[in-house]
Structures are given as C-alpha cells and as structure tokens.
Amino acid sequence: MNTHISDRASPAPHDRFTDRLVAEAVRLHEDQAGRVIDEPHAWQAGRDAGGDLEHRVLVRARATRLGAQVRDALGGARTLAGWILILILLLTGLSGMAAAGAALAAPLVAGSSQINILWALGSLLGVQLLMLLLWALFMLVRPRGGGGLLGQGVLGLAGGLARRLVRGQAPVLAIRALLQLMSRNGLGRWSAGTLTHLIWAAFTAGALLMCLWALSVRQYDFVWGTTLLAEDHFVGLITALGLLPGWLGLPMPDEALIRASRLGVTEDALGRVQWSSWLLGSLLFYGLLPRLGLGLWCALMARRARRRLRLDLTGPGYARLAPRLLPNSQRLGVVDPPPLTLIHPPEPPRHRERHGGATLALLGYELEQADDHWIQHHKRPAWIPLGQVDDRHTRRDVLAAAQSLQPPPAVVVAVCSLARTPDRSTEAFLTELRARTRAPVWLLLDQQDMAQTRGIDPRARRTAWEQLAERAGVDQLLPERSTDADRPAAEILEAAFAASEDAKP
C-alpha cells in the first residue's frame, strides 16, 4: 500500500503561488529532460523541510539552480506585465475618449448642435452592456469557462507573444508553468474576468471624461425621437435610468422636460444641464461602476483561487519525487513481512488487455543518446512522459511515477534499445514495472539502425528480447514483426495504440 502523501499540513506563512509556479516550471523541465534534477543540496533541503509532500517539493524546487533562475525571471516578468497592463488600460481609455468624441462631434460636423440622447448613450454603453450580459450568461452556463472574451483574448495574446519572443530556458519555463497553473482551480477564468472588466472600465472612464469635457466647453441641445414606439415608453425608460443618478443629487429631467425634448422642440439652459447630468450619470452608474465592482469581485476570486491552488501530486512528475523526499514511515504502509502461511509460489503473469482510457504512459530504459531521443520531444498530449531510466535513482523515480497514475493509463510503454543486450536487470525492471501498475505493459524496441551499425544481428537480438519479454510478463512486444523495424518507432507505437483502441470490446 502506497501512502506517500502525508496528512500533515505544511507551514504556509505567506502566499505560496510563486513557489508552486517555480515547482511547476522545474517539473516541466524534468519531464522534458526525462530525468529529475539531481542536485544533492536541493534534495537535502527538501528532506529537511518537513511537512507534507507538497511542502518538500516546493522547498526542493526553490533550492535548485533552475528554481532560482525561474524566480528571477518571474520578477522581471511581473514588472513587464504591470507596464503592459498600464499601457493597455491607457489605450483603452483613449479609445473610450475617441468613441465619446465621435458621438458628440457628429452633430457639429453636420452643422447642428442637437444630439439624440438615447442614440449617444446607446453608442457608448450598448455594446458593453451586451457583452456584460453575455459574460454573465457564460458564467452561469459554463462555470468552469467564461471569464470574458477581452480578458481571454489578452491572456491568450500575451501567452502567444511570450512563447515566440521570450528567449532563455528559465523565462520560457516560467511562462509555460504560469499557463499550466492558470488552467486549474478557476484561476484563469477569474483572471480573465478581472482583465475584461478593467478594460471596459477604462473605456467607460475615458468616455465619461470626454463627455464631461465636451459638455463643459460646448453647447448641445438634447433631443430624442421615435417612429414606431409610443412616447410613454421613452418617458418611462429615461425616468427609470435616471433613478440611480438622482440618488446622488444630480439634476434629472422630469416628465415635462422629457416630453418637451421631442425632436423639433427647443429647450432652455436648465434643461441642457439636466440632460447632461442624465447622460453622465448613466455612464457612471450603468457603465463604470458595474465594471469596477465586477472587476474587484473577480480579482478577489482570483486571489482566493491562487491561495487554494495546490500541485497535482498524483501526476508522475511529482510522484516520482516522493521516494527521495519522504521518509519510509510516510511513504510505506505495513513494512513487516507477511506470515509464512500467506506466502505462495509466484503464479505466471496473466495477459492484460487494454480496457479503457485514452492516455499512454511512456518511459525510456537505458536508451543510447537518451537526451535526443524522440520520446523527449514528441508533441502528443495523450502520451504521458514518465522519464528515462539510466541508474538506480532514475529507476526508482520512474517506478514511483508509474505507480502514481490514477486512474491507470490505457497502456504503459517501455522503450528499449535493440543495441543493448537484454539482461537480468532489464527483466527485473520490467517485472517490477508490471507489478506497479494495473495497465498492460508494452515493450517497444527502438534504435535498430544503431544496432546494425555496431554489427549486431537484429533477428538474434530480437529473439533474446522476445524471451525476456515472455519471462517478465510483457503484454505486447513492438514491432510485432521484425520486418516492421525499419519504420520509425513512434509511428509503430501510434499505429499499435490505435489498433488496440479499435479492438476494444
């Protein structure tokens, strides 16, 4: 029984989001490299930290050289992101000023000072009120999605530009880790919502300032008109919209002024002031304040999501760290040997068929030139990397990663080199791998060209691997025919995995 996640809470004197981001960046690097960063002082720091597995993982990641580089990169990224946000808000505010200026300048261009009050208000608030309703609808219908199109667009654009423009290992890993964490626990949704409402608030603030300036230095006559609707409908609408601004003591147009402002009817100076107050109050109460309030709410929810965010310790990238970070008393359950009466002779392993799942766990065992092998650089999201085995430490890490996968993958694939001689160590590893997982275990033979270059007979070597696979209980050996060995190993595996999917009952 494996109980490597302790129930004890780790100390958390401050917000640990940055530490978790650093740990995620280190995990991404280790997944890509196929092995963990082996720095003794970092391992020792993690073990000495105490607490649960997550706390030890955070301390160990922070103590690595890569972790320090990622933290430095995050400091610069935060400063850059702050300036970019300020620039976006300034440009959006200028856009709001331009929209308000266009709405108020159109009558002057036509040689008139009359402004259709509802047309002006609709041009400034209509689109964003519609977007606000859509945001609320998506938040209700898709509670795990949403966030606002503007905010999602800004986050997506920032992530895409960062991936293309940023250079250096640590900054790239920091960006990838941030995007990974943003997809969990609703953090990305609330962050996108915060950006969306802040952008619309900046737009409305710019429009409000421009309207205040234009109404202060120019004289406008406010009118309204309709062809299809009744006059009472407009009177009721304008009166209702003026209720909230009226609570602040702003002068609002009464029913008599509203009816008198029908197209073609002149109005006095007091009427112009009341209409101006109505327009400014409507922009404030139905544009700026709702966006500021919702932006603050989303920011608080994003902060809450950050605090509640935890690392996915069940994933292979973190589970393989447990044997080195946790003491045996936390990692193991019952360690006493079973009574002699319970010991039976081992039974031959039973063949396992693929029974579900769409993921494939992939590992390399003593591969030649492992750092450049294709299993470290493939782009298939359903293929989970477990790492590379080349010594006893990485062997323990990979086995722990394979055992942690819950639910188990559809298949666990061990990629071995045909250029290496199958020995008892390989057989013991495959046997233990099969004992650690409930999924079928496949053996994929690769690097046949390297074996031929060294003068190795591929048929004889394959026969030796077949015998080892049978003794270890391997469920399938790939390629199934020696004549297929000239095809790329990744292509062979992909075809066999697809065929097993089709063969499922």
Foldseek 3Di string as FASTA:
>chain_A
DWQLWDPFAADDPDQCLLLQLLLQLQLVVCLLQQHHDDDVVLLVQLQVRDGTLQSSSSSSSCPDPLSVLLSVLVVVVVVVVVVVLVVLLVVLLVVLLVQLCCQQCVQVVVVAQEHALVVSLCSNCVVVVVQVVVQVVCCVVPVLDGQGPQLVVVLVVVLVCCCVPDDDSSNNSSSVSVVVLCSPLSLVSLRSNLSRLSSQLSSLVSNLVNLVVCVVPDDHQYAHEDDPDDLVVVLVVLVVLCPVLVVVVQQADHSVLNVQRYPPHGDDPVSSRRSSSSSSSSSVPVGNVVSVVSSVVSVVVSVVSSRPDGDPCLALSNQLCSVSRDDPVSGDDDDDDDDPVPDDPDDQDDADAQADADAEEEEEEQDDPSSPDVVSPDDDPRYRYLGYDDDPSSLSSSLSNQLSDPPHHREYEYEYELLDADDPVNLVSLLSSCVSHVHAYEYEYADVVVNVVVVHDSVVSVVRVVVSCSRSVHNYYPPPDPVCHVDHRVVSVVVVSVVSVVPHD
